[in-house]
């Protein structure tokens, strides 16, 4: 997605699963609880950072891949690194 210019922005419709321990409270149905939240619009740079990290890990695995031979003599060839580098430029 990031190669096509799409990043997970606050209103993009992409799904993200997050966990937070920021709002700790004791459940009490008699009292109102105050909720503190980070402004969701400011999360875009975090989404973009995650996308870049995943992209980098995919590229790293492509660069170190070797030609292998598997079951029934099937062969999977390593990518030609010179050509891959040229395409990515």
PDB file of N, CA and C in Angstrom:
ATOM      1  N   UNK A   1       0.811  -1.188   0.000  1.00  0.00           N
ATOM      2  CA  UNK A   1       0.000   0.000   0.000  1.00  0.00           C
ATOM      3  C   UNK A   1       0.854   1.251   0.000  1.00  0.00           C
ATOM      4  N   UNK A   2       1.906   1.266   0.794  1.00  0.00           N
ATOM      5  CA  UNK A   2       2.698   2.484   0.893  1.00  0.00           C
ATOM      6  C   UNK A   2       3.398   2.815  -0.420  1.00  0.00           C
ATOM      7  N   UNK A   3       3.703   1.802  -1.220  1.00  0.00           N
ATOM      8  CA  UNK A   3       4.317   2.051  -2.528  1.00  0.00           C
ATOM      9  C   UNK A   3       3.360   2.783  -3.458  1.00  0.00           C
ATOM     10  N   UNK A   4       2.070   2.660  -3.195  1.00  0.00           N
ATOM     11  CA  UNK A   4       1.055   3.319  -4.021  1.00  0.00           C
ATOM     12  C   UNK A   4       0.601   4.642  -3.426  1.00  0.00           C
ATOM     13  N   UNK A   5       1.231   5.047  -2.332  1.00  0.00           N
ATOM     14  CA  UNK A   5       0.897   6.322  -1.724  1.00  0.00           C
ATOM     15  C   UNK A   5      -0.198   6.266  -0.692  1.00  0.00           C
ATOM     16  N   UNK A   6      -0.700   5.083  -0.354  1.00  0.00           N
ATOM     17  CA  UNK A   6      -1.763   4.970   0.638  1.00  0.00           C
ATOM     18  C   UNK A   6      -1.154   4.750   2.012  1.00  0.00           C
ATOM     19  N   UNK A   7      -1.537   5.590   2.961  1.00  0.00           N
ATOM     20  CA  UNK A   7      -1.112   5.371   4.345  1.00  0.00           C
ATOM     21  C   UNK A   7      -2.357   5.332   5.215  1.00  0.00           C
ATOM     22  N   UNK A   8      -2.269   4.690   6.355  1.00  0.00           N
ATOM     23  CA  UNK A   8      -3.420   4.575   7.249  1.00  0.00           C
ATOM     24  C   UNK A   8      -3.640   5.861   8.018  1.00  0.00           C
ATOM     25  N   UNK A   9      -4.469   6.719   7.506  1.00  0.00           N
ATOM     26  CA  UNK A   9      -4.755   7.980   8.175  1.00  0.00           C
ATOM     27  C   UNK A   9      -5.977   7.844   9.070  1.00  0.00           C
ATOM     28  N   UNK A  10      -6.202   8.832   9.888  1.00  0.00           N
ATOM     29  CA  UNK A  10      -7.258   8.815  10.898  1.00  0.00           C
ATOM     30  C   UNK A  10      -8.624   8.503  10.312  1.00  0.00           C
ATOM     31  N   UNK A  11      -8.947   8.988   9.138  1.00  0.00           N
ATOM     32  CA  UNK A  11     -10.278   8.769   8.567  1.00  0.00           C
ATOM     33  C   UNK A  11     -10.255   7.896   7.310  1.00  0.00           C
ATOM     34  N   UNK A  12      -9.213   7.077   7.146  1.00  0.00           N
ATOM     35  CA  UNK A  12      -9.043   6.316   5.906  1.00  0.00           C
ATOM     36  C   UNK A  12      -9.953   5.098   5.797  1.00  0.00           C
ATOM     37  N   UNK A  13     -10.487   4.615   6.911  1.00  0.00           N
ATOM     38  CA  UNK A  13     -11.300   3.406   6.882  1.00  0.00           C
ATOM     39  C   UNK A  13     -10.481   2.153   7.109  1.00  0.00           C
ATOM     40  N   UNK A  14      -9.142   2.276   7.245  1.00  0.00           N
ATOM     41  CA  UNK A  14      -8.304   1.119   7.549  1.00  0.00           C
ATOM     42  C   UNK A  14      -8.562   0.689   8.982  1.00  0.00           C
ATOM     43  N   UNK A  15      -8.353  -0.593   9.257  1.00  0.00           N
ATOM     44  CA  UNK A  15      -8.566  -1.120  10.595  1.00  0.00           C
ATOM     45  C   UNK A  15      -7.231  -1.262  11.307  1.00  0.00           C
ATOM     46  N   UNK A  16      -7.185  -0.800  12.528  1.00  0.00           N
ATOM     47  CA  UNK A  16      -6.002  -0.937  13.358  1.00  0.00           C
ATOM     48  C   UNK A  16      -6.445  -1.428  14.726  1.00  0.00           C
ATOM     49  N   UNK A  17      -5.691  -2.325  15.294  1.00  0.00           N
ATOM     50  CA  UNK A  17      -5.991  -2.845  16.618  1.00  0.00           C
ATOM     51  C   UNK A  17      -4.984  -2.253  17.589  1.00  0.00           C
ATOM     52  N   UNK A  18      -5.460  -1.577  18.613  1.00  0.00           N
ATOM     53  CA  UNK A  18      -4.564  -0.967  19.590  1.00  0.00           C
ATOM     54  C   UNK A  18      -4.986  -1.350  20.997  1.00  0.00           C
ATOM     55  N   UNK A  19      -4.050  -1.244  21.891  1.00  0.00           N
ATOM     56  CA  UNK A  19      -4.302  -1.513  23.294  1.00  0.00           C
ATOM     57  C   UNK A  19      -3.805  -0.323  24.101  1.00  0.00           C
ATOM     58  N   UNK A  20      -4.511   0.014  25.147  1.00  0.00           N
ATOM     59  CA  UNK A  20      -4.122   1.152  25.961  1.00  0.00           C
ATOM     60  C   UNK A  20      -4.269   0.815  27.432  1.00  0.00           C
ATOM     61  N   UNK A  21      -3.337   1.327  28.217  1.00  0.00           N
ATOM     62  CA  UNK A  21      -3.460   1.218  29.669  1.00  0.00           C
ATOM     63  C   UNK A  21      -3.553   2.615  30.276  1.00  0.00           C
ATOM     64  N   UNK A  22      -3.812   3.610  29.442  1.00  0.00           N
ATOM     65  CA  UNK A  22      -3.822   5.003  29.876  1.00  0.00           C
ATOM     66  C   UNK A  22      -4.983   5.386  30.769  1.00  0.00           C
ATOM     67  N   UNK A  23      -6.134   4.787  30.618  1.00  0.00           N
ATOM     68  CA  UNK A  23      -7.314   5.149  31.392  1.00  0.00           C
ATOM     69  C   UNK A  23      -7.677   4.022  32.347  1.00  0.00           C
ATOM     70  N   UNK A  24      -7.119   4.077  33.530  1.00  0.00           N
ATOM     71  CA  UNK A  24      -7.407   3.063  34.536  1.00  0.00           C
ATOM     72  C   UNK A  24      -8.469   3.609  35.490  1.00  0.00           C
ATOM     73  N   UNK A  25      -9.460   2.831  35.747  1.00  0.00           N
ATOM     74  CA  UNK A  25     -10.523   3.255  36.648  1.00  0.00           C
ATOM     75  C   UNK A  25     -11.187   2.039  37.259  1.00  0.00           C
ATOM     76  N   UNK A  26     -11.887   2.282  38.330  1.00  0.00           N
ATOM     77  CA  UNK A  26     -12.689   1.247  38.976  1.00  0.00           C
ATOM     78  C   UNK A  26     -14.121   1.428  38.514  1.00  0.00           C
ATOM     79  N   UNK A  27     -14.724   0.377  38.051  1.00  0.00           N
ATOM     80  CA  UNK A  27     -16.090   0.462  37.544  1.00  0.00           C
ATOM     81  C   UNK A  27     -17.047   0.829  38.672  1.00  0.00           C
ATOM     82  N   UNK A  28     -17.817   1.874  38.444  1.00  0.00           N
ATOM     83  CA  UNK A  28     -18.810   2.340  39.420  1.00  0.00           C
ATOM     84  C   UNK A  28     -19.952   2.974  38.645  1.00  0.00           C
ATOM     85  N   UNK A  29     -21.083   2.298  38.552  1.00  0.00           N
ATOM     86  CA  UNK A  29     -22.185   2.810  37.745  1.00  0.00           C
ATOM     87  C   UNK A  29     -22.863   4.025  38.371  1.00  0.00           C
ATOM     88  N   UNK A  30     -22.460   4.408  39.564  1.00  0.00           N
ATOM     89  CA  UNK A  30     -23.022   5.590  40.219  1.00  0.00           C
ATOM     90  C   UNK A  30     -22.297   6.879  39.814  1.00  0.00           C
ATOM     91  N   UNK A  31     -21.039   6.776  39.401  1.00  0.00           N
ATOM     92  CA  UNK A  31     -20.223   7.957  39.120  1.00  0.00           C
ATOM     93  C   UNK A  31     -19.812   8.025  37.657  1.00  0.00           C
ATOM     94  N   UNK A  32     -19.635   9.236  37.154  1.00  0.00           N
ATOM     95  CA  UNK A  32     -19.139   9.471  35.800  1.00  0.00           C
ATOM     96  C   UNK A  32     -17.619   9.357  35.812  1.00  0.00           C
ATOM     97  N   UNK A  33     -17.069   8.696  34.826  1.00  0.00           N
ATOM     98  CA  UNK A  33     -15.629   8.535  34.711  1.00  0.00           C
ATOM     99  C   UNK A  33     -15.102   9.445  33.613  1.00  0.00           C
ATOM    100  N   UNK A  34     -13.996  10.117  33.871  1.00  0.00           N
ATOM    101  CA  UNK A  34     -13.360  10.968  32.874  1.00  0.00           C
ATOM    102  C   UNK A  34     -12.457  10.117  31.998  1.00  0.00           C
ATOM    103  N   UNK A  35     -12.553  10.317  30.701  1.00  0.00           N
ATOM    104  CA  UNK A  35     -11.763   9.573  29.734  1.00  0.00           C
ATOM    105  C   UNK A  35     -10.779  10.516  29.062  1.00  0.00           C
ATOM    106  N   UNK A  36      -9.504  10.176  29.076  1.00  0.00           N
ATOM    107  CA  UNK A  36      -8.483  10.970  28.394  1.00  0.00           C
ATOM    108  C   UNK A  36      -8.076  10.242  27.132  1.00  0.00           C
ATOM    109  N   UNK A  37      -8.019  10.976  26.008  1.00  0.00           N
ATOM    110  CA  UNK A  37      -7.670  10.360  24.726  1.00  0.00           C
ATOM    111  C   UNK A  37      -6.638  11.209  24.003  1.00  0.00           C
ATOM    112  N   UNK A  38      -5.773  10.554  23.271  1.00  0.00           N
ATOM    113  CA  UNK A  38      -4.828  11.211  22.385  1.00  0.00           C
ATOM    114  C   UNK A  38      -5.594  11.615  21.134  1.00  0.00           C
ATOM    115  N   UNK A  39      -5.439  12.843  20.636  1.00  0.00           N
ATOM    116  CA  UNK A  39      -6.182  13.250  19.430  1.00  0.00           C
ATOM    117  C   UNK A  39      -5.875  12.310  18.256  1.00  0.00           C
ATOM    118  N   UNK A  40      -6.906  11.661  17.715  1.00  0.00           N
ATOM    119  CA  UNK A  40      -6.697  10.634  16.689  1.00  0.00           C
ATOM    120  C   UNK A  40      -6.024  11.190  15.433  1.00  0.00           C
ATOM    121  N   UNK A  41      -6.225  12.472  15.131  1.00  0.00           N
ATOM    122  CA  UNK A  41      -5.579  13.046  13.937  1.00  0.00           C
ATOM    123  C   UNK A  41      -4.056  13.036  14.066  1.00  0.00           C
ATOM    124  N   UNK A  42      -3.565  13.028  15.289  1.00  0.00           N
ATOM    125  CA  UNK A  42      -2.118  13.059  15.508  1.00  0.00           C
ATOM    126  C   UNK A  42      -1.492  11.671  15.447  1.00  0.00           C
ATOM    127  N   UNK A  43      -2.292  10.650  15.188  1.00  0.00           N
ATOM    128  CA  UNK A  43      -1.777   9.288  15.081  1.00  0.00           C
ATOM    129  C   UNK A  43      -1.258   8.962  13.686  1.00  0.00           C
ATOM    130  N   UNK A  44      -1.538   9.817  12.695  1.00  0.00           N
ATOM    131  CA  UNK A  44      -1.148   9.530  11.317  1.00  0.00           C
ATOM    132  C   UNK A  44       0.352   9.252  11.178  1.00  0.00           C
ATOM    133  N   UNK A  45       1.190  10.015  11.879  1.00  0.00           N
ATOM    134  CA  UNK A  45       2.634   9.798  11.767  1.00  0.00           C
ATOM    135  C   UNK A  45       3.039   8.444  12.349  1.00  0.00           C
ATOM    136  N   UNK A  46       2.322   7.967  13.361  1.00  0.00           N
ATOM    137  CA  UNK A  46       2.600   6.635  13.913  1.00  0.00           C
ATOM    138  C   UNK A  46       2.219   5.575  12.886  1.00  0.00           C
ATOM    139  N   UNK A  47       1.050   5.725  12.250  1.00  0.00           N
ATOM    140  CA  UNK A  47       0.625   4.778  11.217  1.00  0.00           C
ATOM    141  C   UNK A  47       1.655   4.733  10.086  1.00  0.00           C
ATOM    142  N   UNK A  48       2.106   5.890   9.657  1.00  0.00           N
ATOM    143  CA  UNK A  48       3.079   5.942   8.566  1.00  0.00           C
ATOM    144  C   UNK A  48       4.395   5.272   8.970  1.00  0.00           C
ATOM    145  N   UNK A  49       4.816   5.463  10.219  1.00  0.00           N
ATOM    146  CA  UNK A  49       6.036   4.825  10.703  1.00  0.00           C
ATOM    147  C   UNK A  49       5.943   3.309  10.703  1.00  0.00           C
ATOM    148  N   UNK A  50       4.795   2.783  11.095  1.00  0.00           N
ATOM    149  CA  UNK A  50       4.586   1.328  11.093  1.00  0.00           C
ATOM    150  C   UNK A  50       4.636   0.797   9.667  1.00  0.00           C
ATOM    151  N   UNK A  51       3.998   1.510   8.740  1.00  0.00           N
ATOM    152  CA  UNK A  51       4.009   1.093   7.338  1.00  0.00           C
ATOM    153  C   UNK A  51       5.442   1.054   6.809  1.00  0.00           C
ATOM    154  N   UNK A  52       6.221   2.079   7.112  1.00  0.00           N
ATOM    155  CA  UNK A  52       7.613   2.115   6.655  1.00  0.00           C
ATOM    156  C   UNK A  52       8.433   0.983   7.261  1.00  0.00           C
ATOM    157  N   UNK A  53       8.186   0.649   8.530  1.00  0.00           N
ATOM    158  CA  UNK A  53       8.914  -0.446   9.174  1.00  0.00           C
ATOM    159  C   UNK A  53       8.575  -1.785   8.530  1.00  0.00           C
ATOM    160  N   UNK A  54       7.290  -2.008   8.239  1.00  0.00           N
ATOM    161  CA  UNK A  54       6.872  -3.257   7.589  1.00  0.00           C
ATOM    162  C   UNK A  54       7.457  -3.339   6.182  1.00  0.00           C
ATOM    163  N   UNK A  55       7.402  -2.235   5.454  1.00  0.00           N
ATOM    164  CA  UNK A  55       7.973  -2.190   4.100  1.00  0.00           C
ATOM    165  C   UNK A  55       9.460  -2.533   4.146  1.00  0.00           C
ATOM    166  N   UNK A  56      10.178  -1.954   5.096  1.00  0.00           N
ATOM    167  CA  UNK A  56      11.612  -2.217   5.217  1.00  0.00           C
ATOM    168  C   UNK A  56      11.882  -3.684   5.535  1.00  0.00           C
ATOM    169  N   UNK A  57      11.068  -4.288   6.402  1.00  0.00           N
ATOM    170  CA  UNK A  57      11.283  -5.697   6.738  1.00  0.00           C
ATOM    171  C   UNK A  57      11.002  -6.605   5.540  1.00  0.00           C
ATOM    172  N   UNK A  58      10.007  -6.256   4.731  1.00  0.00           N
ATOM    173  CA  UNK A  58       9.718  -7.033   3.522  1.00  0.00           C
ATOM    174  C   UNK A  58      10.874  -6.929   2.543  1.00  0.00           C
ATOM    175  N   UNK A  59      11.371  -5.707   2.337  1.00  0.00           N
ATOM    176  CA  UNK A  59      12.510  -5.529   1.426  1.00  0.00           C
ATOM    177  C   UNK A  59      13.742  -6.271   1.931  1.00  0.00           C
ATOM    178  N   UNK A  60      13.991  -6.221   3.234  1.00  0.00           N
ATOM    179  CA  UNK A  60      15.140  -6.945   3.793  1.00  0.00           C
ATOM    180  C   UNK A  60      15.036  -8.439   3.535  1.00  0.00           C
ATOM    181  N   UNK A  61      13.846  -8.997   3.707  1.00  0.00           N
ATOM    182  CA  UNK A  61      13.688 -10.436   3.477  1.00  0.00           C
ATOM    183  C   UNK A  61      13.850 -10.767   1.992  1.00  0.00           C
ATOM    184  N   UNK A  62      13.430  -9.862   1.113  1.00  0.00           N
ATOM    185  CA  UNK A  62      13.613 -10.094  -0.322  1.00  0.00           C
ATOM    186  C   UNK A  62      15.089 -10.066  -0.697  1.00  0.00           C
ATOM    187  N   UNK A  63      15.852  -9.167  -0.068  1.00  0.00           N
ATOM    188  CA  UNK A  63      17.271  -9.047  -0.384  1.00  0.00           C
ATOM    189  C   UNK A  63      18.087 -10.251   0.078  1.00  0.00           C
ATOM    190  N   UNK A  64      17.706 -10.868   1.192  1.00  0.00           N
ATOM    191  CA  UNK A  64      18.519 -11.983   1.699  1.00  0.00           C
ATOM    192  C   UNK A  64      18.030 -13.346   1.218  1.00  0.00           C
ATOM    193  N   UNK A  65      16.908 -13.368   0.501  1.00  0.00           N
ATOM    194  CA  UNK A  65      16.370 -14.643   0.020  1.00  0.00           C
ATOM    195  C   UNK A  65      17.354 -15.326  -0.925  1.00  0.00           C
ATOM    196  N   UNK A  66      17.460 -16.626  -0.801  1.00  0.00           N
ATOM    197  CA  UNK A  66      18.343 -17.414  -1.659  1.00  0.00           C
ATOM    198  C   UNK A  66      17.506 -18.363  -2.508  1.00  0.00           C
ATOM    199  N   UNK A  67      18.057 -18.796  -3.621  1.00  0.00           N
ATOM    200  CA  UNK A  67      17.393 -19.798  -4.441  1.00  0.00           C
ATOM    201  C   UNK A  67      17.333 -21.099  -3.660  1.00  0.00           C
ATOM    202  N   UNK A  68      16.150 -21.698  -3.613  1.00  0.00           N
ATOM    203  CA  UNK A  68      15.991 -22.950  -2.878  1.00  0.00           C
ATOM    204  C   UNK A  68      15.283 -23.985  -3.743  1.00  0.00           C
ATOM    205  N   UNK A  69      15.496 -25.234  -3.393  1.00  0.00           N
ATOM    206  CA  UNK A  69      14.819 -26.330  -4.066  1.00  0.00           C
ATOM    207  C   UNK A  69      14.011 -27.079  -3.019  1.00  0.00           C
ATOM    208  N   UNK A  70      12.733 -27.266  -3.304  1.00  0.00           N
ATOM    209  CA  UNK A  70      11.836 -27.880  -2.337  1.00  0.00           C
ATOM    210  C   UNK A  70      11.305 -29.213  -2.788  1.00  0.00           C
ATOM    211  N   UNK A  71      10.140 -29.527  -2.308  1.00  0.00           N
ATOM    212  CA  UNK A  71       9.462 -30.784  -2.581  1.00  0.00           C
ATOM    213  C   UNK A  71       9.272 -30.983  -4.091  1.00  0.00           C
ATOM    214  N   UNK A  72       9.442 -32.210  -4.529  1.00  0.00           N
ATOM    215  CA  UNK A  72       9.270 -32.587  -5.942  1.00  0.00           C
ATOM    216  C   UNK A  72      10.157 -31.770  -6.875  1.00  0.00           C
ATOM    217  N   UNK A  73      11.336 -31.426  -6.386  1.00  0.00           N
ATOM    218  CA  UNK A  73      12.343 -30.704  -7.163  1.00  0.00           C
ATOM    219  C   UNK A  73      11.874 -29.305  -7.602  1.00  0.00           C
ATOM    220  N   UNK A  74      10.881 -28.762  -6.940  1.00  0.00           N
ATOM    221  CA  UNK A  74      10.433 -27.401  -7.263  1.00  0.00           C
ATOM    222  C   UNK A  74      11.495 -26.419  -6.813  1.00  0.00           C
ATOM    223  N   UNK A  75      11.748 -25.447  -7.649  1.00  0.00           N
ATOM    224  CA  UNK A  75      12.787 -24.478  -7.353  1.00  0.00           C
ATOM    225  C   UNK A  75      12.203 -23.069  -7.321  1.00  0.00           C
ATOM    226  N   UNK A  76      12.600 -22.313  -6.295  1.00  0.00           N
ATOM    227  CA  UNK A  76      12.213 -20.913  -6.169  1.00  0.00           C
ATOM    228  C   UNK A  76      13.498 -20.106  -6.236  1.00  0.00           C
ATOM    229  N   UNK A  77      13.559 -19.201  -7.183  1.00  0.00           N
ATOM    230  CA  UNK A  77      14.789 -18.443  -7.427  1.00  0.00           C
ATOM    231  C   UNK A  77      14.846 -17.169  -6.592  1.00  0.00           C
ATOM    232  N   UNK A  78      16.048 -16.859  -6.171  1.00  0.00           N
ATOM    233  CA  UNK A  78      16.274 -15.587  -5.482  1.00  0.00           C
ATOM    234  C   UNK A  78      16.059 -14.450  -6.478  1.00  0.00           C
ATOM    235  N   UNK A  79      15.689 -13.315  -5.960  1.00  0.00           N
ATOM    236  CA  UNK A  79      15.497 -12.154  -6.832  1.00  0.00           C
ATOM    237  C   UNK A  79      16.843 -11.638  -7.321  1.00  0.00           C
ATOM    238  N   UNK A  80      16.907 -11.192  -8.565  1.00  0.00           N
ATOM    239  CA  UNK A  80      18.144 -10.579  -9.055  1.00  0.00           C
ATOM    240  C   UNK A  80      18.294  -9.188  -8.401  1.00  0.00           C
ATOM    241  N   UNK A  81      19.229  -9.061  -7.470  1.00  0.00           N
ATOM    242  CA  UNK A  81      19.337  -7.848  -6.660  1.00  0.00           C
ATOM    243  C   UNK A  81      19.618  -6.593  -7.466  1.00  0.00           C
ATOM    244  N   UNK A  82      20.413  -6.709  -8.510  1.00  0.00           N
ATOM    245  CA  UNK A  82      20.695  -5.522  -9.319  1.00  0.00           C
ATOM    246  C   UNK A  82      19.419  -5.001  -9.986  1.00  0.00           C
ATOM    247  N   UNK A  83      18.598  -5.886 -10.483  1.00  0.00           N
ATOM    248  CA  UNK A  83      17.355  -5.500 -11.127  1.00  0.00           C
ATOM    249  C   UNK A  83      16.330  -4.969 -10.105  1.00  0.00           C
ATOM    250  N   UNK A  84      16.264  -5.609  -8.950  1.00  0.00           N
ATOM    251  CA  UNK A  84      15.351  -5.174  -7.903  1.00  0.00           C
ATOM    252  C   UNK A  84      15.701  -3.762  -7.439  1.00  0.00           C
ATOM    253  N   UNK A  85      16.979  -3.503  -7.226  1.00  0.00           N
ATOM    254  CA  UNK A  85      17.408  -2.162  -6.807  1.00  0.00           C
ATOM    255  C   UNK A  85      17.037  -1.112  -7.844  1.00  0.00           C
ATOM    256  N   UNK A  86      17.169  -1.467  -9.109  1.00  0.00           N
ATOM    257  CA  UNK A  86      16.826  -0.543 -10.194  1.00  0.00           C
ATOM    258  C   UNK A  86      15.314  -0.255 -10.199  1.00  0.00           C
ATOM    259  N   UNK A  87      14.505  -1.271 -10.000  1.00  0.00           N
ATOM    260  CA  UNK A  87      13.039  -1.118  -9.987  1.00  0.00           C
ATOM    261  C   UNK A  87      12.601  -0.234  -8.815  1.00  0.00           C
ATOM    262  N   UNK A  88      13.219  -0.440  -7.647  1.00  0.00           N
ATOM    263  CA  UNK A  88      12.830   0.296  -6.457  1.00  0.00           C
ATOM    264  C   UNK A  88      13.218   1.775  -6.502  1.00  0.00           C
ATOM    265  N   UNK A  89      14.185   2.102  -7.347  1.00  0.00           N
ATOM    266  CA  UNK A  89      14.579   3.514  -7.489  1.00  0.00           C
ATOM    267  C   UNK A  89      13.472   4.258  -8.168  1.00  0.00           C
TER     268      UNK A  89
END
